Amino acid sequence: MLKVVSVSLGSSSRDKTTRATFLGHEVELSRVGTDGDLARAVKMIAELDGEVDAIGLGGIDRYLCAGNRKYEIREARRLANAARTTPIVDGSELKLTLERRIVNQLAETFTEKPLAKSRALQVSAVDRWGMAESLAEHAKEVVFGDLMFGLGIGIPLRSIRAVNRLARVIAPVIVQLPFKVLYPTGHKQKEHQPRFTVYFIWADWICGDFHYIRRNLPQRLDSKIILTNTTTAEDQQLLKDRGLAYLITTTPVIDGRSFGMNVLEGCLVSLIRKQGDLVNREMVEIYLNKLDLKPTITPLNP
């Protein structure tokens, strides 16, 4: 049996271990939170190194992406360097490939509130560049909230070009900052501190990282659609209570929850290596075609 463990800087209250079968292979999936403790996460990765088939970085991205450029986050590099043998993944490869593919699928097939006639808010583009480019292509209007939800600066970005230009200037500086400055880690993921609510109200589709979304949720989400992942049964109930029409996750729901993209990428890398194939973008695309993954659409208040 293959084993994939996501070591997360997020809250340990969201931990989960379960099993699933991919392409005939049973995989044990685990998510272990370290409550924002970077040193503990480094120690855990070092202990898992050589003992499991893949390690995911959860609650942190290794790279921010914009255009054809990647910017490595300094603290994520420290985590990745703790493993010498086992592959370390953060989900960024699937965010560029699978999430782009899924948004394209939804643009063609989701008719309840078509993207072409809808306004979309993506809370952060640089951590999900494939989704951002696809939303920019298909949505009637789009706002990217990188400055608002990442840095607390009340400036919406209204084009993919604007995000790309901004990233070239500030991303090399941003990636050197402590990650907790940019993103809620540990128990802060449970905090509710709404900002820039007007853009949640404006949007028909609310897209991207769930912790940014959850932290800034307005009191009502009537008739809206959220496109995200890493949601639990508790999260689904919260969204249902606030009137959300549909929850769409870009990763499969397994045993009641959708795991992070880093977990799914860890599964993919493990399967590729199990078959003796090289892990590269071409092979990732081939295995994605084999898996034929589809978004999970959950009606909450349709």
Protein backbone atom coordinates (compact mmCIF):
# COMPACT_ATOMS: atom_id res chain seq x y z
CA MET A 1 0.00 0.00 0.00
CA LEU A 2 1.25 3.47 -0.89
CA LYS A 3 1.43 6.08 1.86
CA VAL A 4 1.11 9.84 1.39
CA VAL A 5 1.37 12.21 4.35
CA SER A 6 0.61 15.92 4.24
CA VAL A 7 2.49 17.84 6.92
CA SER A 8 0.52 21.03 7.38
CA LEU A 9 1.15 24.31 9.14
CA GLY A 10 -2.60 24.40 9.68
CA SER A 11 -4.67 23.44 12.69
CA SER A 12 -4.40 19.88 14.00
CA SER A 13 -8.19 19.95 14.50
CA ARG A 14 -8.52 19.28 10.74
CA ASP A 15 -6.39 16.09 10.80
CA LYS A 16 -7.60 13.07 8.87
CA THR A 17 -6.35 9.64 7.80
CA THR A 18 -8.22 7.49 5.31
CA ARG A 19 -7.68 5.19 2.34
CA ALA A 20 -8.60 5.39 -1.32
CA THR A 21 -7.92 3.42 -4.48
CA PHE A 22 -6.33 5.06 -7.54
CA LEU A 23 -5.69 3.08 -10.74
CA GLY A 24 -5.98 -0.17 -8.80
CA HIS A 25 -3.53 0.85 -6.07
CA GLU A 26 -4.62 1.39 -2.47
CA VAL A 27 -3.27 4.61 -0.97
CA GLU A 28 -3.30 5.70 2.65
CA LEU A 29 -3.81 9.45 2.86
CA SER A 30 -2.95 11.38 6.00
CA ARG A 31 -3.10 15.04 6.87
CA VAL A 32 -1.24 16.06 10.05
CA GLY A 33 -1.39 19.66 11.29
CA THR A 34 1.38 21.26 13.34
CA ASP A 35 -0.65 24.28 14.54
CA GLY A 36 1.65 26.76 12.80
CA ASP A 37 4.83 25.36 14.37
CA LEU A 38 7.45 25.49 11.59
CA ALA A 39 10.16 23.72 13.61
CA ARG A 40 7.78 20.89 14.45
CA ALA A 41 6.88 20.56 10.77
CA VAL A 42 10.57 20.37 9.80
CA LYS A 43 11.16 17.66 12.42
CA MET A 44 8.13 15.67 11.28
CA ILE A 45 9.19 15.78 7.62
CA ALA A 46 12.68 14.59 8.54
CA GLU A 47 11.20 11.68 10.48
CA LEU A 48 8.89 10.71 7.60
CA ASP A 49 11.69 10.91 5.03
CA GLY A 50 12.29 7.45 3.58
CA GLU A 51 9.31 5.99 5.48
CA VAL A 52 6.47 7.05 3.14
CA ASP A 53 6.00 7.34 -0.61
CA ALA A 54 5.38 11.09 -0.79
CA ILE A 55 5.20 14.05 1.59
CA GLY A 56 2.91 17.00 0.96
CA LEU A 57 3.46 20.52 2.20
CA GLY A 58 0.11 21.62 3.62
CA GLY A 59 -0.94 25.06 4.81
CA ILE A 60 1.89 26.62 2.81
CA ASP A 61 2.83 26.92 -0.85
CA ARG A 62 6.37 26.25 -1.95
CA TYR A 63 5.96 28.56 -4.93
CA LEU A 64 3.92 31.56 -5.93
CA CYS A 65 3.31 31.59 -9.69
CA ALA A 66 2.54 34.37 -12.15
CA GLY A 67 2.94 34.15 -15.89
CA ASN A 68 5.84 31.85 -16.62
CA ARG A 69 7.66 32.67 -13.39
CA LYS A 70 7.84 30.89 -10.05
CA TYR A 71 8.87 32.53 -6.78
CA GLU A 72 10.01 30.17 -4.02
CA ILE A 73 8.83 30.95 -0.48
CA ARG A 74 11.81 30.96 1.87
CA GLU A 75 10.16 29.07 4.74
CA ALA A 76 8.74 26.46 2.34
CA ARG A 77 12.27 25.81 1.05
CA ARG A 78 13.34 25.06 4.62
CA LEU A 79 10.54 22.51 4.91
CA ALA A 80 11.32 20.91 1.57
CA ASN A 81 15.02 20.59 2.42
CA ALA A 82 14.15 18.49 5.49
CA ALA A 83 13.54 15.48 3.21
CA ARG A 84 16.46 13.87 1.38
CA THR A 85 14.84 10.75 -0.07
CA THR A 86 11.05 11.01 -0.21
CA PRO A 87 9.52 13.34 -2.85
CA ILE A 88 8.15 16.60 -1.45
CA VAL A 89 5.18 18.18 -3.24
CA ASP A 90 3.07 21.26 -2.54
CA GLY A 91 0.32 20.83 -5.13
CA SER A 92 1.58 23.64 -7.37
CA GLU A 93 1.95 21.37 -10.39
CA LEU A 94 -1.69 20.29 -10.18
CA LYS A 95 -2.81 23.85 -9.56
CA LEU A 96 -1.28 24.75 -12.91
CA THR A 97 -2.68 21.73 -14.76
CA LEU A 98 -5.67 20.06 -13.10
CA GLU A 99 -7.33 23.22 -11.77
CA ARG A 100 -7.06 24.91 -15.15
CA ARG A 101 -8.66 21.82 -16.70
CA ILE A 102 -11.45 21.75 -14.11
CA VAL A 103 -12.41 25.40 -14.61
CA ASN A 104 -12.51 24.77 -18.36
CA GLN A 105 -14.83 21.80 -17.75
CA LEU A 106 -17.12 23.84 -15.50
CA ALA A 107 -17.28 26.64 -18.06
CA GLU A 108 -18.68 24.13 -20.55
CA THR A 109 -20.90 21.96 -18.36
CA PHE A 110 -22.12 23.85 -15.25
CA THR A 111 -25.37 25.46 -16.40
CA GLU A 112 -26.99 26.48 -13.09
CA LYS A 113 -24.97 29.70 -13.08
CA PRO A 114 -22.75 29.77 -16.19
CA LEU A 115 -19.32 31.32 -15.77
CA ALA A 116 -19.72 33.27 -19.00
CA LYS A 117 -22.60 35.20 -17.43
CA SER A 118 -21.09 35.45 -13.94
CA ARG A 119 -18.76 37.66 -11.92
CA ALA A 120 -15.92 35.79 -10.19
CA LEU A 121 -13.80 36.66 -7.17
CA GLN A 122 -10.58 34.68 -6.78
CA VAL A 123 -9.19 35.44 -3.34
CA SER A 124 -5.59 34.89 -4.49
CA ALA A 125 -4.27 34.27 -7.99
CA VAL A 126 -0.57 33.67 -7.38
CA ASP A 127 -1.17 30.46 -5.41
CA ARG A 128 -3.55 29.08 -8.09
CA TRP A 129 -2.35 30.45 -11.40
CA GLY A 130 -4.02 27.81 -13.57
CA MET A 131 -7.39 28.64 -12.02
CA ALA A 132 -6.74 32.37 -12.37
CA GLU A 133 -5.94 32.21 -16.08
CA SER A 134 -8.94 30.02 -16.79
CA LEU A 135 -11.33 32.26 -14.82
CA ALA A 136 -9.97 35.29 -16.66
CA GLU A 137 -10.75 33.53 -19.92
CA HIS A 138 -14.26 32.34 -19.09
CA ALA A 139 -15.90 34.64 -16.51
CA LYS A 140 -17.85 37.75 -17.51
CA GLU A 141 -15.86 39.79 -14.96
CA VAL A 142 -13.17 38.79 -12.51
CA VAL A 143 -11.50 40.33 -9.46
CA PHE A 144 -8.29 38.92 -7.98
CA GLY A 145 -7.86 39.59 -4.26
CA ASP A 146 -4.12 39.07 -3.80
CA LEU A 147 -3.51 42.54 -2.36
CA MET A 148 -6.73 42.55 -0.32
CA PHE A 149 -6.64 39.14 1.34
CA GLY A 150 -2.88 38.54 1.28
CA LEU A 151 -1.63 41.98 2.34
CA GLY A 152 -4.71 43.81 3.62
CA ILE A 153 -4.47 46.47 0.90
CA GLY A 154 -7.90 47.42 -0.46
CA ILE A 155 -7.03 47.36 -4.15
CA PRO A 156 -8.81 44.83 -6.38
CA LEU A 157 -6.92 43.53 -9.40
CA ARG A 158 -9.21 43.24 -12.41
CA SER A 159 -7.05 41.44 -14.97
CA ILE A 160 -4.51 38.66 -15.15
CA ARG A 161 -2.07 41.15 -16.65
CA ALA A 162 -2.35 43.36 -13.56
CA VAL A 163 -1.55 40.41 -11.27
CA ASN A 164 1.43 39.43 -13.42
CA ARG A 165 2.86 42.95 -13.43
CA LEU A 166 2.41 43.32 -9.68
CA ALA A 167 3.99 39.93 -8.99
CA ARG A 168 7.16 40.85 -10.86
CA VAL A 169 7.62 43.81 -8.55
CA ILE A 170 6.60 42.51 -5.12
CA ALA A 171 6.76 38.70 -5.22
CA PRO A 172 10.58 38.55 -4.81
CA VAL A 173 10.13 40.51 -1.56
CA ILE A 174 6.95 38.77 -0.37
CA VAL A 175 8.48 35.28 -0.49
CA GLN A 176 11.16 36.33 2.03
CA LEU A 177 8.58 37.25 4.70
CA PRO A 178 7.43 34.89 7.46
CA PHE A 179 4.57 32.94 5.91
CA LYS A 180 2.23 33.66 8.82
CA VAL A 181 2.26 37.32 7.75
CA LEU A 182 0.65 36.35 4.44
CA TYR A 183 -1.60 33.46 5.35
CA PRO A 184 -3.48 32.14 8.40
CA THR A 185 -1.68 29.20 9.99
CA GLY A 186 -2.46 27.04 13.00
CA HIS A 187 -5.50 28.04 15.03
CA LYS A 188 -5.75 31.35 13.13
CA GLN A 189 -7.40 29.31 10.39
CA LYS A 190 -10.46 29.14 12.65
CA GLU A 191 -10.67 32.91 13.10
CA HIS A 192 -13.42 34.85 11.34
CA GLN A 193 -12.32 38.38 10.49
CA PRO A 194 -14.26 39.52 7.41
CA ARG A 195 -12.64 42.14 5.19
CA PHE A 196 -13.59 43.53 1.79
CA THR A 197 -17.03 41.94 2.07
CA VAL A 198 -18.30 44.05 -0.81
CA TYR A 199 -16.44 41.80 -3.26
CA PHE A 200 -18.02 38.64 -1.81
CA ILE A 201 -21.41 40.28 -2.28
CA TRP A 202 -20.49 41.42 -5.81
CA ALA A 203 -19.34 37.97 -6.97
CA ASP A 204 -21.48 35.09 -8.23
CA TRP A 205 -18.54 32.68 -7.98
CA ILE A 206 -16.10 32.83 -5.05
CA CYS A 207 -12.95 30.92 -5.91
CA GLY A 208 -9.58 29.87 -4.55
CA ASP A 209 -8.01 29.04 -1.21
CA PHE A 210 -10.62 27.98 1.33
CA HIS A 211 -8.89 29.44 4.41
CA TYR A 212 -8.90 32.91 2.86
CA ILE A 213 -12.55 32.37 1.94
CA ARG A 214 -13.57 31.06 5.37
CA ARG A 215 -11.76 33.81 7.24
CA ASN A 216 -13.60 36.50 5.26
CA LEU A 217 -17.05 34.94 4.85
CA PRO A 218 -20.02 37.32 4.93
CA GLN A 219 -23.09 36.38 6.93
CA ARG A 220 -25.08 35.36 3.85
CA LEU A 221 -24.02 33.57 0.65
CA ASP A 222 -27.44 33.17 -0.92
CA SER A 223 -27.36 31.83 -4.51
CA LYS A 224 -23.55 31.93 -4.66
CA ILE A 225 -21.09 29.25 -5.74
CA ILE A 226 -17.76 28.50 -4.05
CA LEU A 227 -14.99 26.78 -6.04
CA THR A 228 -12.24 25.58 -3.70
CA ASN A 229 -10.89 22.45 -1.96
CA THR A 230 -9.72 21.21 1.49
CA THR A 231 -13.23 21.38 2.92
CA THR A 232 -14.54 19.20 5.74
CA ALA A 233 -18.09 18.17 6.65
CA GLU A 234 -18.05 20.98 9.23
CA ASP A 235 -17.11 23.48 6.52
CA GLN A 236 -19.94 22.25 4.32
CA GLN A 237 -22.45 22.76 7.12
CA LEU A 238 -21.16 26.29 7.73
CA LEU A 239 -21.58 27.15 4.05
CA LYS A 240 -25.03 25.56 3.92
CA ASP A 241 -26.14 27.56 6.96
CA ARG A 242 -25.06 30.76 5.23
CA GLY A 243 -27.14 30.02 2.16
CA LEU A 244 -24.49 28.87 -0.32
CA ALA A 245 -26.07 27.35 -3.42
CA TYR A 246 -23.26 25.02 -4.53
CA LEU A 247 -19.88 23.95 -3.20
CA ILE A 248 -17.53 22.75 -5.94
CA THR A 249 -14.21 21.18 -4.97
CA THR A 250 -11.32 20.66 -7.36
CA THR A 251 -10.20 17.49 -5.57
CA PRO A 252 -12.32 14.36 -5.01
CA VAL A 253 -14.30 14.07 -1.79
CA ILE A 254 -12.86 11.06 0.07
CA ASP A 255 -14.44 9.83 3.30
CA GLY A 256 -16.39 13.05 3.79
CA ARG A 257 -13.78 15.64 2.90
CA SER A 258 -11.74 17.04 0.05
CA PHE A 259 -8.02 16.87 0.71
CA GLY A 260 -5.52 19.53 -0.29
CA MET A 261 -4.03 19.63 -3.75
CA ASN A 262 -0.67 18.67 -2.20
CA VAL A 263 -2.18 15.34 -1.07
CA LEU A 264 -3.53 14.58 -4.52
CA GLU A 265 -0.21 15.50 -6.11
CA GLY A 266 1.52 13.21 -3.62
CA CYS A 267 -0.78 10.37 -4.75
CA LEU A 268 0.01 11.11 -8.39
CA VAL A 269 3.77 11.19 -7.83
CA SER A 270 3.59 7.93 -5.84
CA LEU A 271 1.65 6.22 -8.64
CA ILE A 272 4.08 7.43 -11.30
CA ARG A 273 7.10 6.24 -9.31
CA LYS A 274 5.38 2.92 -8.52
CA GLN A 275 5.16 2.24 -12.27
CA GLY A 276 8.83 3.16 -12.72
CA ASP A 277 8.08 6.27 -14.77
CA LEU A 278 9.87 9.60 -14.54
CA VAL A 279 8.05 12.37 -12.70
CA ASN A 280 7.72 15.32 -15.07
CA ARG A 281 4.92 17.53 -16.39
CA GLU A 282 4.29 15.29 -19.41
CA MET A 283 3.89 12.23 -17.19
CA VAL A 284 1.65 14.14 -14.78
CA GLU A 285 -0.65 14.99 -17.70
CA ILE A 286 -0.70 11.34 -18.80
CA TYR A 287 -1.68 10.12 -15.33
CA LEU A 288 -4.28 12.87 -14.95
CA ASN A 289 -5.85 11.58 -18.16
CA LYS A 290 -5.83 8.05 -16.73
CA LEU A 291 -7.47 9.18 -13.49
CA ASP A 292 -10.03 11.30 -15.38
CA LEU A 293 -10.71 13.44 -12.30
CA LYS A 294 -13.85 15.54 -12.25
CA PRO A 295 -14.87 18.36 -9.91
CA THR A 296 -17.15 17.37 -7.03
CA ILE A 297 -20.35 19.43 -7.14
CA THR A 298 -22.29 19.50 -3.88
CA PRO A 299 -25.70 21.21 -3.90
CA LEU A 300 -26.24 22.89 -0.52
CA ASN A 301 -29.14 25.27 -1.17
CA PRO A 302 -29.70 24.94 -4.93
